[in-house]
Amino acid sequence: MDGLNPRKVFSLLFIIGIAVVFTLQFGPGSNGFSSGGDVAPTASAAAVVNGKEIPLRDFSLAWSRQMSFLRSQGQPIPESVARQFGMDKQVLDRLVNAELLAQSAERHGITPSDEELRKLIHQNSDFHSKEGQFDFARYQQVLRDFYRRTPQEYEEELRRQMAAQKMLDVVRTGAVVSDDEVRARYEKDGNQAKLVFARFLPTMFADKVPAPTPAQLAEFQKAHEKEISDYYAANSFVYNVPERIRARQILVKVAPDATPEQKAQAKAKAEGLRKELDSGKDFAAVAKASSEDDATKLKGGDLGWVERNAWEPTLANAAFALKAGEVTQPVESPLGVHLVKVEEKKEAQARKLDEVKGEIATTLYKQDQAKGLAKAEADKALAALKGGKSLKELFPVAAGQQPALLRFEAETKPEAVETDSFTAAGDSVPHLGPAPGLVKATFEAAGPKPLDEVFTVGEAHVVAQVVEREKPDTAGFDKRKDELRTQARQAKQIELTESFLKSLRKSGTVVTNTEAIDSVLGAAG
């Protein structure tokens, strides 16, 4: 995951998650309503909703579209990382919600007209001729060759999708907003401020802390026995490391519903690649040319350091039995057929607390000293700020660049960061996160000014100045009233939609098939 910062990944996934929560994506096989009760999913189902299966192939297609969307946004995020952030659950939730809405629409007798269905089909550019007009022959061809549906199947699915959307529209018509609610929203949203802040992190000053003398270390160790013990317990993975290998892989994918013939073809392909390796070809070069693992292909199949329990047992046993430099024979797993090369091995390590007490004490001593330096520098900056300097003067950012914090890079020095406008409604500051004391002080300020204290936000000491301050007034309300009414109505529509979907889940039965999903994506790490 070279160059992929977890903060950026999380931000991107959060945005995407919000964007798709209420998008309906229907698949085949979800037709009609049944009160089938608690029916266990078959191996070919991702979930069962009130007795109706959501086919595993629908989930697989929706997941592929989700990953394609991420790639189109410039973030080729590995599937394993997306699963860590719960994207597989979001995809399945969308499919379940879509099925619940479709069933609810049928119960309420909501059915789109033939004319509405015809109009929607004719608007789909997939079915248009070169002249941009609907072409019935192309419609039939595209359904057969790409959608893999008959016209009857496709139109039934589309009709249910439209019915579900109509069901949502009915729910959302209940989103009525009063004048008092609009005014209250303005009072909350119209009270705004913008800050410039600088962070002083202990890590910025760690290299300025000299190593402790033996006497200092002994004194610190004696006074901080509990902290040392707690640090060892919290970081036991550093001192108790299981057996690991640094490995590369070549993967020939096999679909979960592959036929025996397709599985045999995949194995034969892997055996052919094994012969290429036996003839002297470089493993990384063969992986780049032939591996079907999108996450590692461009890196020559590089998997980094891997622990035994991270892999399916058959694959792990085959790989961990090798010496450095050796390559497995083709190994089958739920994902396909693998060839694994072991580049380096490390035996398990188990270091006792007594062995590492001095090492931990040195680390904690330096951290403690670095915190003191960070606070002293923050105090010095606050004094300069009160003396008439601005944070942008004191801690400038290189021309044409953003601060490291906004580039999702490690901060090596304090830099002036300007926030977007924010309101007093929450406890968070843009680009900084939860900071209730800083928010309170910001909105107690009548106008632009330095704030009078150094704030502690997580590990950082923060110095800030208010650079813009806006308060709600009648003129501002009259100007934004229509915009705020629209925003309030949209917010209430979302609340009603969430509440309706929760009620459908509570009154119905949804059974998910984790094993089937793992067979498509691989077991979650």
Protein backbone atom coordinates (compact mmCIF):
# COMPACT_ATOMS: atom_id res chain seq x y z
CA MET A 1 0.00 0.00 0.00
CA ASP A 2 2.81 2.29 -0.92
CA GLY A 3 1.97 5.99 -0.73
CA LEU A 4 -1.52 5.34 0.61
CA ASN A 5 -2.17 7.29 3.79
CA PRO A 6 -4.82 5.83 6.14
CA ARG A 7 -6.22 9.30 6.91
CA LYS A 8 -6.78 9.95 3.18
CA VAL A 9 -8.25 6.48 2.68
CA PHE A 10 -10.68 6.97 5.54
CA SER A 11 -11.76 10.42 4.26
CA LEU A 12 -12.35 9.09 0.78
CA LEU A 13 -14.26 6.03 1.96
CA PHE A 14 -16.38 8.15 4.30
CA ILE A 15 -17.35 10.51 1.45
CA ILE A 16 -18.16 7.60 -0.85
CA GLY A 17 -20.16 5.89 1.89
CA ILE A 18 -22.34 8.97 2.41
CA ALA A 19 -22.76 9.40 -1.34
CA VAL A 20 -24.07 5.90 -1.93
CA VAL A 21 -26.18 5.19 1.15
CA PHE A 22 -29.42 6.08 -0.63
CA THR A 23 -28.48 4.94 -4.15
CA LEU A 24 -30.56 1.98 -5.29
CA GLN A 25 -28.65 -0.75 -7.07
CA PHE A 26 -30.83 -3.73 -7.98
CA GLY A 27 -29.72 -7.10 -9.19
CA PRO A 28 -31.45 -10.12 -10.64
CA GLY A 29 -33.29 -12.61 -8.52
CA SER A 30 -34.86 -10.03 -6.21
CA ASN A 31 -38.43 -10.22 -7.47
CA GLY A 32 -41.51 -10.21 -5.32
CA PHE A 33 -42.25 -10.29 -1.62
CA SER A 34 -42.46 -13.24 0.66
CA SER A 35 -42.77 -13.56 4.42
CA GLY A 36 -40.49 -16.56 4.30
CA GLY A 37 -39.11 -15.91 7.75
CA ASP A 38 -35.66 -16.84 8.97
CA VAL A 39 -34.43 -18.72 5.90
CA ALA A 40 -30.75 -19.68 5.89
CA PRO A 41 -28.94 -18.42 2.77
CA THR A 42 -27.78 -20.95 0.22
CA ALA A 43 -24.15 -20.98 -0.90
CA SER A 44 -25.08 -18.82 -3.90
CA ALA A 45 -26.74 -16.06 -1.83
CA ALA A 46 -25.11 -13.05 -0.17
CA ALA A 47 -28.17 -12.52 2.03
CA VAL A 48 -31.82 -13.45 2.48
CA VAL A 49 -34.35 -10.63 2.95
CA ASN A 50 -37.76 -11.77 4.19
CA GLY A 51 -37.25 -15.11 2.49
CA LYS A 52 -35.91 -13.70 -0.78
CA GLU A 53 -32.28 -14.27 -1.71
CA ILE A 54 -29.87 -11.59 -2.88
CA PRO A 55 -27.69 -13.61 -5.25
CA LEU A 56 -23.97 -13.68 -4.58
CA ARG A 57 -23.33 -12.63 -8.17
CA ASP A 58 -25.28 -9.39 -7.50
CA PHE A 59 -23.06 -8.65 -4.52
CA SER A 60 -19.94 -9.46 -6.57
CA LEU A 61 -21.06 -7.09 -9.33
CA ALA A 62 -21.91 -4.30 -6.86
CA TRP A 63 -18.53 -4.75 -5.15
CA SER A 64 -16.70 -4.56 -8.48
CA ARG A 65 -18.54 -1.35 -9.31
CA GLN A 66 -17.61 0.08 -5.92
CA MET A 67 -13.92 -0.70 -6.45
CA SER A 68 -14.08 0.74 -9.99
CA PHE A 69 -15.56 3.92 -8.56
CA LEU A 70 -12.70 4.22 -6.08
CA ARG A 71 -10.17 3.74 -8.89
CA SER A 72 -11.93 6.39 -10.98
CA GLN A 73 -11.44 8.83 -8.09
CA GLY A 74 -7.66 8.35 -8.28
CA GLN A 75 -7.42 5.94 -5.32
CA PRO A 76 -6.59 2.37 -6.39
CA ILE A 77 -7.32 1.05 -2.91
CA PRO A 78 -6.65 -2.66 -2.35
CA GLU A 79 -9.77 -4.67 -1.63
CA SER A 80 -8.34 -5.76 1.72
CA VAL A 81 -8.08 -2.12 2.84
CA ALA A 82 -11.58 -1.31 1.64
CA ARG A 83 -12.86 -4.22 3.75
CA GLN A 84 -11.02 -2.90 6.80
CA PHE A 85 -13.10 0.27 6.44
CA GLY A 86 -16.34 -1.72 6.10
CA MET A 87 -16.98 -1.14 2.40
CA ASP A 88 -18.20 -4.72 1.91
CA LYS A 89 -20.85 -4.12 4.60
CA GLN A 90 -21.89 -0.86 2.93
CA VAL A 91 -22.29 -2.61 -0.42
CA LEU A 92 -24.38 -5.39 1.12
CA ASP A 93 -26.46 -2.88 3.10
CA ARG A 94 -27.32 -1.04 -0.13
CA LEU A 95 -28.52 -4.26 -1.72
CA VAL A 96 -30.52 -5.22 1.39
CA ASN A 97 -32.07 -1.74 1.64
CA ALA A 98 -32.97 -1.85 -2.04
CA GLU A 99 -34.72 -5.21 -1.59
CA LEU A 100 -36.56 -4.00 1.53
CA LEU A 101 -37.81 -0.92 -0.32
CA ALA A 102 -38.89 -2.94 -3.34
CA GLN A 103 -40.84 -5.34 -1.12
CA SER A 104 -42.43 -2.44 0.77
CA ALA A 105 -43.47 -0.80 -2.50
CA GLU A 106 -45.18 -4.03 -3.58
CA ARG A 107 -47.02 -4.31 -0.27
CA HIS A 108 -48.27 -0.74 -0.67
CA GLY A 109 -49.41 -1.38 -4.24
CA ILE A 110 -46.88 1.05 -5.74
CA THR A 111 -46.29 0.08 -9.38
CA PRO A 112 -44.76 2.23 -12.14
CA SER A 113 -46.75 2.57 -15.32
CA ASP A 114 -45.71 0.98 -18.61
CA GLU A 115 -45.13 4.46 -20.00
CA GLU A 116 -42.75 5.37 -17.15
CA LEU A 117 -40.85 2.13 -17.73
CA ARG A 118 -40.65 2.72 -21.48
CA LYS A 119 -39.39 6.28 -20.96
CA LEU A 120 -36.63 5.17 -18.58
CA ILE A 121 -35.44 2.42 -20.93
CA HIS A 122 -35.39 4.84 -23.87
CA GLN A 123 -33.27 7.27 -21.84
CA ASN A 124 -30.51 4.70 -21.25
CA SER A 125 -27.66 5.58 -23.63
CA ASP A 126 -26.51 1.94 -23.62
CA PHE A 127 -29.45 1.25 -25.91
CA HIS A 128 -28.95 4.19 -28.28
CA SER A 129 -27.83 4.05 -31.89
CA LYS A 130 -24.93 6.14 -33.19
CA GLU A 131 -27.46 8.87 -33.88
CA GLY A 132 -28.41 8.96 -30.20
CA GLN A 133 -31.85 7.37 -30.61
CA PHE A 134 -33.28 4.30 -28.91
CA ASP A 135 -32.64 1.23 -31.04
CA PHE A 136 -34.67 -1.88 -30.25
CA ALA A 137 -32.22 -4.24 -31.95
CA ARG A 138 -29.35 -2.75 -29.94
CA TYR A 139 -31.49 -3.02 -26.79
CA GLN A 140 -31.86 -6.76 -27.31
CA GLN A 141 -28.15 -7.19 -28.17
CA VAL A 142 -26.89 -5.25 -25.13
CA LEU A 143 -29.19 -7.15 -22.79
CA ARG A 144 -28.04 -10.48 -24.23
CA ASP A 145 -24.29 -9.80 -24.52
CA PHE A 146 -23.55 -7.43 -21.61
CA TYR A 147 -26.42 -7.38 -19.11
CA ARG A 148 -26.95 -11.14 -19.50
CA ARG A 149 -30.70 -10.65 -19.10
CA THR A 150 -33.78 -11.33 -21.14
CA PRO A 151 -35.93 -8.24 -21.82
CA GLN A 152 -38.55 -9.66 -19.44
CA GLU A 153 -35.99 -10.09 -16.60
CA TYR A 154 -34.45 -6.66 -17.14
CA GLU A 155 -37.79 -4.86 -17.32
CA GLU A 156 -39.06 -6.60 -14.19
CA GLU A 157 -35.93 -5.56 -12.27
CA LEU A 158 -36.19 -2.01 -13.56
CA ARG A 159 -39.87 -1.85 -12.66
CA ARG A 160 -39.06 -2.90 -9.09
CA GLN A 161 -36.29 -0.32 -8.90
CA MET A 162 -38.70 2.40 -9.98
CA ALA A 163 -41.29 1.18 -7.49
CA ALA A 164 -38.75 1.34 -4.69
CA GLN A 165 -37.80 4.90 -5.69
CA LYS A 166 -41.48 5.83 -5.63
CA MET A 167 -41.69 4.29 -2.15
CA LEU A 168 -38.83 6.53 -1.06
CA ASP A 169 -40.56 9.56 -2.60
CA VAL A 170 -43.66 8.78 -0.55
CA VAL A 171 -41.58 8.60 2.62
CA ARG A 172 -39.81 11.84 1.84
CA THR A 173 -43.02 13.79 1.26
CA GLY A 174 -43.37 13.78 5.05
CA ALA A 175 -40.36 16.11 5.33
CA VAL A 176 -42.20 19.34 6.20
CA VAL A 177 -40.12 22.17 7.69
CA SER A 178 -41.60 25.03 9.74
CA ASP A 179 -40.42 28.65 9.76
CA ASP A 180 -39.21 28.19 13.33
CA GLU A 181 -37.04 25.25 12.26
CA VAL A 182 -35.54 27.29 9.45
CA ARG A 183 -34.81 30.17 11.83
CA ALA A 184 -33.23 27.78 14.36
CA ARG A 185 -31.05 26.32 11.62
CA TYR A 186 -29.88 29.82 10.70
CA GLU A 187 -29.12 30.69 14.32
CA LYS A 188 -26.97 27.58 14.46
CA ASP A 189 -25.38 27.75 11.01
CA GLY A 190 -25.10 31.53 10.84
CA ASN A 191 -22.81 31.66 13.89
CA GLN A 192 -19.55 30.97 12.05
CA ALA A 193 -15.82 31.44 12.47
CA LYS A 194 -12.59 30.70 10.66
CA LEU A 195 -9.27 29.98 12.38
CA VAL A 196 -5.61 29.80 11.60
CA PHE A 197 -3.81 27.36 13.91
CA ALA A 198 -0.39 25.78 14.35
CA ARG A 199 0.26 22.38 15.94
CA PHE A 200 3.26 21.61 18.15
CA LEU A 201 3.74 17.85 18.24
CA PRO A 202 6.28 16.03 20.44
CA THR A 203 7.52 14.19 17.34
CA MET A 204 8.65 17.52 15.87
CA PHE A 205 11.13 17.94 18.72
CA ALA A 206 12.16 14.34 19.41
CA ASP A 207 15.51 14.73 17.64
CA LYS A 208 16.37 17.64 19.94
CA VAL A 209 16.18 15.41 23.03
CA PRO A 210 19.59 13.98 23.99
CA ALA A 211 19.87 10.39 25.14
CA PRO A 212 19.50 10.11 28.92
CA THR A 213 22.55 9.51 31.06
CA PRO A 214 22.64 6.20 32.97
CA ALA A 215 21.68 8.06 36.16
CA GLN A 216 18.76 9.83 34.45
CA LEU A 217 17.56 6.58 32.92
CA ALA A 218 17.76 4.69 36.24
CA GLU A 219 15.82 7.46 38.01
CA PHE A 220 13.19 7.61 35.25
CA GLN A 221 12.81 3.82 35.19
CA LYS A 222 12.32 3.68 38.96
CA ALA A 223 9.65 6.43 38.87
CA HIS A 224 7.76 5.01 35.89
CA GLU A 225 7.58 1.25 36.47
CA LYS A 226 3.84 1.11 35.76
CA GLU A 227 4.10 3.17 32.55
CA ILE A 228 6.90 0.89 31.33
CA SER A 229 4.84 -2.20 32.09
CA ASP A 230 1.75 -0.73 30.41
CA TYR A 231 3.79 0.24 27.34
CA TYR A 232 5.14 -3.30 27.06
CA ALA A 233 1.60 -4.75 27.30
CA ALA A 234 0.21 -2.32 24.72
CA ASN A 235 3.09 -2.98 22.32
CA SER A 236 3.57 -6.67 22.91
CA PHE A 237 3.29 -7.26 19.17
CA VAL A 238 6.66 -5.48 18.83
CA TYR A 239 8.39 -7.73 21.34
CA ASN A 240 6.50 -10.96 20.64
CA VAL A 241 6.60 -11.40 16.89
CA PRO A 242 5.27 -14.59 15.25
CA GLU A 243 7.07 -16.34 12.41
CA ARG A 244 6.99 -14.21 9.25
CA ILE A 245 7.95 -14.43 5.61
CA ARG A 246 8.55 -11.70 3.05
CA ALA A 247 6.83 -13.01 -0.04
CA ARG A 248 5.65 -12.39 -3.57
CA GLN A 249 2.74 -14.08 -5.28
CA ILE A 250 1.29 -14.76 -8.70
CA LEU A 251 -2.47 -15.31 -8.64
CA VAL A 252 -4.65 -16.91 -11.28
CA LYS A 253 -8.18 -15.96 -10.21
CA VAL A 254 -11.03 -18.47 -10.11
CA ALA A 255 -14.63 -17.28 -9.74
CA PRO A 256 -16.64 -18.70 -6.80
CA ASP A 257 -19.09 -20.31 -9.23
CA ALA A 258 -16.40 -21.60 -11.62
CA THR A 259 -16.97 -24.93 -13.34
CA PRO A 260 -14.54 -27.85 -12.87
CA GLU A 261 -13.28 -27.15 -16.39
CA GLN A 262 -12.55 -23.49 -15.55
CA LYS A 263 -10.76 -24.52 -12.36
CA ALA A 264 -8.64 -26.97 -14.32
CA GLN A 265 -7.76 -24.27 -16.85
CA ALA A 266 -6.64 -21.94 -14.04
CA LYS A 267 -4.47 -24.65 -12.52
CA ALA A 268 -2.95 -25.44 -15.92
CA LYS A 269 -2.13 -21.76 -16.42
CA ALA A 270 -0.44 -21.63 -12.99
CA GLU A 271 1.58 -24.75 -13.82
CA GLY A 272 2.70 -23.10 -17.06
CA LEU A 273 3.85 -20.02 -15.15
CA ARG A 274 5.70 -22.31 -12.70
CA LYS A 275 7.60 -23.80 -15.65
CA GLU A 276 8.57 -20.27 -16.78
CA LEU A 277 10.02 -19.67 -13.32
CA ASP A 278 11.84 -23.01 -13.41
CA SER A 279 13.43 -21.95 -16.69
CA GLY A 280 15.03 -18.97 -14.96
CA LYS A 281 12.54 -16.15 -15.45
CA ASP A 282 12.40 -13.52 -12.71
CA PHE A 283 9.41 -13.99 -10.38
CA ALA A 284 8.63 -10.26 -10.16
CA ALA A 285 8.68 -9.92 -13.97
CA VAL A 286 6.33 -12.89 -14.42
CA ALA A 287 4.01 -11.47 -11.72
CA LYS A 288 3.85 -8.09 -13.48
CA ALA A 289 3.07 -9.78 -16.78
CA SER A 290 0.68 -12.53 -15.69
CA SER A 291 -0.64 -12.16 -12.12
CA GLU A 292 -4.36 -11.38 -11.77
CA ASP A 293 -4.03 -9.85 -8.29
CA ASP A 294 -4.67 -6.16 -8.98
CA ALA A 295 -3.37 -5.10 -5.57
CA THR A 296 0.16 -6.52 -6.10
CA LYS A 297 0.57 -7.06 -9.85
CA LEU A 298 2.28 -3.73 -10.55
CA LYS A 299 4.65 -4.33 -7.61
CA GLY A 300 5.82 -7.63 -9.02
CA GLY A 301 3.53 -9.55 -6.67
CA ASP A 302 5.15 -8.04 -3.56
CA LEU A 303 3.12 -8.92 -0.45
CA GLY A 304 5.58 -7.52 2.10
CA TRP A 305 5.92 -9.32 5.43
CA VAL A 306 3.18 -11.88 6.06
CA GLU A 307 2.27 -13.82 9.21
CA ARG A 308 0.96 -17.37 9.00
CA ASN A 309 -2.51 -16.56 10.37
CA ALA A 310 -3.07 -13.92 7.66
CA TRP A 311 -3.52 -16.62 5.01
CA GLU A 312 -5.85 -19.50 4.33
CA PRO A 313 -4.27 -22.57 6.04
CA THR A 314 -3.46 -24.55 2.87
CA LEU A 315 -1.67 -21.60 1.31
CA ALA A 316 0.10 -20.69 4.57
CA ASN A 317 1.32 -24.25 5.15
CA ALA A 318 2.75 -24.47 1.63
CA ALA A 319 4.52 -21.10 1.80
CA PHE A 320 5.88 -21.35 5.34
CA ALA A 321 7.37 -24.77 4.61
CA LEU A 322 9.77 -23.21 2.07
CA LYS A 323 13.26 -21.83 2.50
CA ALA A 324 14.15 -18.31 1.39
CA GLY A 325 14.38 -18.21 -2.41
CA GLU A 326 12.02 -21.14 -3.03
CA VAL A 327 8.67 -21.08 -4.87
CA THR A 328 5.58 -23.15 -4.11
CA GLN A 329 3.89 -25.46 -6.54
CA PRO A 330 0.42 -24.18 -7.57
CA VAL A 331 -1.76 -23.89 -4.44
CA GLU A 332 -5.55 -23.57 -4.60
CA SER A 333 -7.52 -21.22 -2.35
CA PRO A 334 -11.01 -19.66 -2.49
CA LEU A 335 -9.49 -16.82 -4.55
CA GLY A 336 -7.84 -18.99 -7.18
CA VAL A 337 -4.49 -20.66 -7.79
CA HIS A 338 -1.35 -19.15 -6.22
CA LEU A 339 2.38 -19.35 -6.78
CA VAL A 340 4.27 -17.90 -3.80
CA LYS A 341 7.96 -17.07 -3.61
CA VAL A 342 9.55 -16.72 -0.16
CA GLU A 343 12.20 -14.03 -0.29
CA GLU A 344 13.12 -13.87 3.39
CA LYS A 345 12.13 -15.62 6.62
CA LYS A 346 12.16 -14.45 10.22
CA GLU A 347 11.71 -16.81 13.13
CA ALA A 348 9.30 -16.03 15.94
CA GLN A 349 10.62 -13.71 18.66
CA ALA A 350 9.58 -13.50 22.30
CA ARG A 351 11.35 -10.83 24.34
CA LYS A 352 10.46 -10.63 28.05
CA LEU A 353 9.74 -7.35 29.84
CA ASP A 354 12.98 -7.52 31.85
CA GLU A 355 14.94 -7.74 28.57
CA VAL A 356 13.46 -4.53 27.16
CA LYS A 357 12.86 -2.37 30.25
CA GLY A 358 15.82 -0.11 29.50
CA GLU A 359 14.81 0.23 25.84
CA ILE A 360 11.25 1.17 26.78
CA ALA A 361 12.40 3.56 29.52
CA THR A 362 14.61 5.39 26.99
CA THR A 363 11.68 5.70 24.57
CA LEU A 364 9.32 7.04 27.24
CA TYR A 365 11.97 9.38 28.62
CA LYS A 366 12.50 10.94 25.19
CA GLN A 367 8.76 11.19 24.61
CA ASP A 368 8.33 12.96 27.94
CA GLN A 369 11.12 15.42 27.19
CA ALA A 370 9.79 16.05 23.67
CA LYS A 371 6.35 16.88 25.09
CA GLY A 372 7.96 19.51 27.33
CA LEU A 373 9.82 21.03 24.37
CA ALA A 374 6.60 21.11 22.29
CA LYS A 375 4.73 22.93 25.07
CA ALA A 376 7.57 25.43 25.55
CA GLU A 377 7.61 26.22 21.81
CA ALA A 378 3.81 26.62 21.79
CA ASP A 379 4.02 29.06 24.73
CA LYS A 380 6.68 31.03 22.87
CA ALA A 381 4.50 31.17 19.75
CA LEU A 382 1.50 32.36 21.77
CA ALA A 383 3.57 35.20 23.24
CA ALA A 384 4.66 36.27 19.76
CA LEU A 385 1.05 36.08 18.56
CA LYS A 386 -0.14 38.32 21.39
CA GLY A 387 2.71 40.66 20.57
CA GLY A 388 1.22 41.40 17.16
CA LYS A 389 2.63 38.69 14.89
CA SER A 390 0.35 36.39 12.86
CA LEU A 391 0.69 32.63 12.70
CA LYS A 392 1.19 32.85 8.93
CA GLU A 393 4.20 35.11 9.56
CA LEU A 394 5.56 32.94 12.34
CA PHE A 395 5.05 29.56 10.63
CA PRO A 396 4.79 30.17 6.88
CA VAL A 397 4.09 27.45 4.32
CA ALA A 398 6.19 27.29 1.16
CA ALA A 399 4.69 29.28 -1.71
CA GLY A 400 2.35 27.22 -3.85
CA GLN A 401 2.12 24.40 -1.30
CA GLN A 402 -0.37 23.30 1.32
CA PRO A 403 0.68 22.51 4.89
CA ALA A 404 1.82 18.93 5.45
CA LEU A 405 -1.32 18.29 7.53
CA LEU A 406 -3.51 18.97 4.49
CA ARG A 407 -1.27 16.88 2.25
CA PHE A 408 -1.80 13.93 4.62
CA GLU A 409 1.93 13.81 5.25
CA ALA A 410 3.92 13.62 8.48
CA GLU A 411 4.35 17.04 10.06
CA THR A 412 8.00 17.81 10.81
CA LYS A 413 7.53 21.40 12.00
CA PRO A 414 4.71 23.75 13.05
CA GLU A 415 2.90 25.29 10.08
CA ALA A 416 0.04 27.78 9.85
CA VAL A 417 -3.15 25.95 8.80
CA GLU A 418 -6.26 27.90 7.81
CA THR A 419 -9.60 26.21 8.43
CA ASP A 420 -12.79 26.45 6.43
CA SER A 421 -15.64 28.32 8.10
CA PHE A 422 -17.32 26.24 10.80
CA THR A 423 -20.15 26.65 13.28
CA ALA A 424 -20.59 26.36 17.01
CA ALA A 425 -22.94 23.40 16.52
CA GLY A 426 -20.26 20.75 17.02
CA ASP A 427 -17.07 20.15 18.99
CA SER A 428 -14.73 19.76 16.01
CA VAL A 429 -12.44 22.15 14.16
CA PRO A 430 -11.84 21.52 10.42
CA HIS A 431 -8.46 19.80 9.75
CA LEU A 432 -7.94 19.39 13.51
CA GLY A 433 -10.75 17.19 14.80
CA PRO A 434 -12.54 17.19 18.17
CA ALA A 435 -11.42 20.18 20.24
CA PRO A 436 -14.32 21.35 22.45
CA GLY A 437 -12.24 23.83 24.46
CA LEU A 438 -10.89 25.46 21.30
CA VAL A 439 -14.40 25.66 19.75
CA LYS A 440 -15.80 27.25 22.91
CA ALA A 441 -13.04 29.88 23.03
CA THR A 442 -13.46 30.59 19.31
CA PHE A 443 -17.14 31.45 19.60
CA GLU A 444 -16.64 33.49 22.75
CA ALA A 445 -14.48 35.82 20.64
CA ALA A 446 -16.43 38.81 19.33
CA GLY A 447 -14.19 39.19 16.27
CA PRO A 448 -10.77 38.35 14.78
CA LYS A 449 -8.14 37.99 17.53
CA PRO A 450 -5.52 35.61 18.95
CA LEU A 451 -6.94 33.10 21.41
CA ASP A 452 -5.49 33.51 24.88
CA GLU A 453 -4.22 30.03 25.68
CA VAL A 454 -2.43 26.98 24.35
CA PHE A 455 -4.94 24.18 23.73
CA THR A 456 -4.18 20.48 24.05
CA VAL A 457 -5.71 18.48 21.19
CA GLY A 458 -4.66 14.84 21.28
CA GLU A 459 -0.85 14.74 21.37
CA ALA A 460 -0.55 18.28 20.01
CA HIS A 461 -0.31 21.68 21.67
CA VAL A 462 -2.28 24.13 19.52
CA VAL A 463 -2.00 27.89 19.17
CA ALA A 464 -4.82 29.59 17.24
CA GLN A 465 -6.16 32.94 16.10
CA VAL A 466 -9.65 33.81 14.88
CA VAL A 467 -9.35 35.37 11.42
CA GLU A 468 -13.06 35.63 10.51
CA ARG A 469 -16.15 35.88 12.71
CA GLU A 470 -19.76 35.99 11.49
CA LYS A 471 -22.84 36.28 13.70
CA PRO A 472 -26.47 35.66 12.70
CA ASP A 473 -28.63 38.72 12.00
CA THR A 474 -31.99 39.48 10.35
CA ALA A 475 -30.48 40.64 7.07
CA GLY A 476 -28.42 37.48 6.78
CA PHE A 477 -31.46 35.34 7.56
CA ASP A 478 -33.61 36.98 4.87
CA LYS A 479 -30.82 36.42 2.35
CA ARG A 480 -30.37 32.72 3.14
CA LYS A 481 -33.90 31.73 4.15
CA ASP A 482 -34.78 29.79 0.97
CA GLU A 483 -31.40 28.03 0.88
CA LEU A 484 -31.71 27.04 4.54
CA ARG A 485 -35.26 25.77 4.06
CA THR A 486 -34.03 23.50 1.25
CA GLN A 487 -31.16 22.24 3.40
CA ALA A 488 -33.46 21.60 6.36
CA ARG A 489 -35.93 19.71 4.17
CA GLN A 490 -33.13 17.56 2.71
CA ALA A 491 -31.81 16.78 6.19
CA LYS A 492 -35.28 15.76 7.34
CA GLN A 493 -35.73 13.60 4.23
CA ILE A 494 -32.54 11.74 5.12
CA GLU A 495 -33.74 11.28 8.70
CA LEU A 496 -37.10 9.95 7.52
CA THR A 497 -35.42 7.60 5.03
CA GLU A 498 -33.07 6.23 7.70
CA SER A 499 -35.95 5.78 10.13
CA PHE A 500 -38.09 4.03 7.50
CA LEU A 501 -35.29 1.64 6.53
CA LYS A 502 -34.63 0.84 10.20
CA SER A 503 -38.33 0.04 10.70
CA LEU A 504 -38.30 -2.27 7.65
CA ARG A 505 -35.29 -4.12 9.03
CA LYS A 506 -36.82 -4.35 12.51
CA SER A 507 -40.12 -5.74 11.27
CA GLY A 508 -38.51 -8.04 8.69
CA THR A 509 -35.84 -10.74 8.67
CA VAL A 510 -32.42 -10.20 7.13
CA VAL A 511 -29.87 -13.04 7.21
CA THR A 512 -26.41 -12.38 5.76
CA ASN A 513 -24.02 -15.00 4.44
CA THR A 514 -20.53 -14.02 5.58
CA GLU A 515 -18.98 -17.24 4.34
CA ALA A 516 -20.27 -16.67 0.81
CA ILE A 517 -19.00 -13.09 0.80
CA ASP A 518 -15.60 -14.28 2.05
CA SER A 519 -15.54 -16.77 -0.82
CA VAL A 520 -15.74 -13.82 -3.23
CA LEU A 521 -13.48 -11.35 -1.42
CA GLY A 522 -11.29 -13.57 0.76
CA ALA A 523 -11.56 -13.66 4.55
CA ALA A 524 -11.38 -10.24 6.21
CA GLY A 525 -8.04 -9.44 7.78
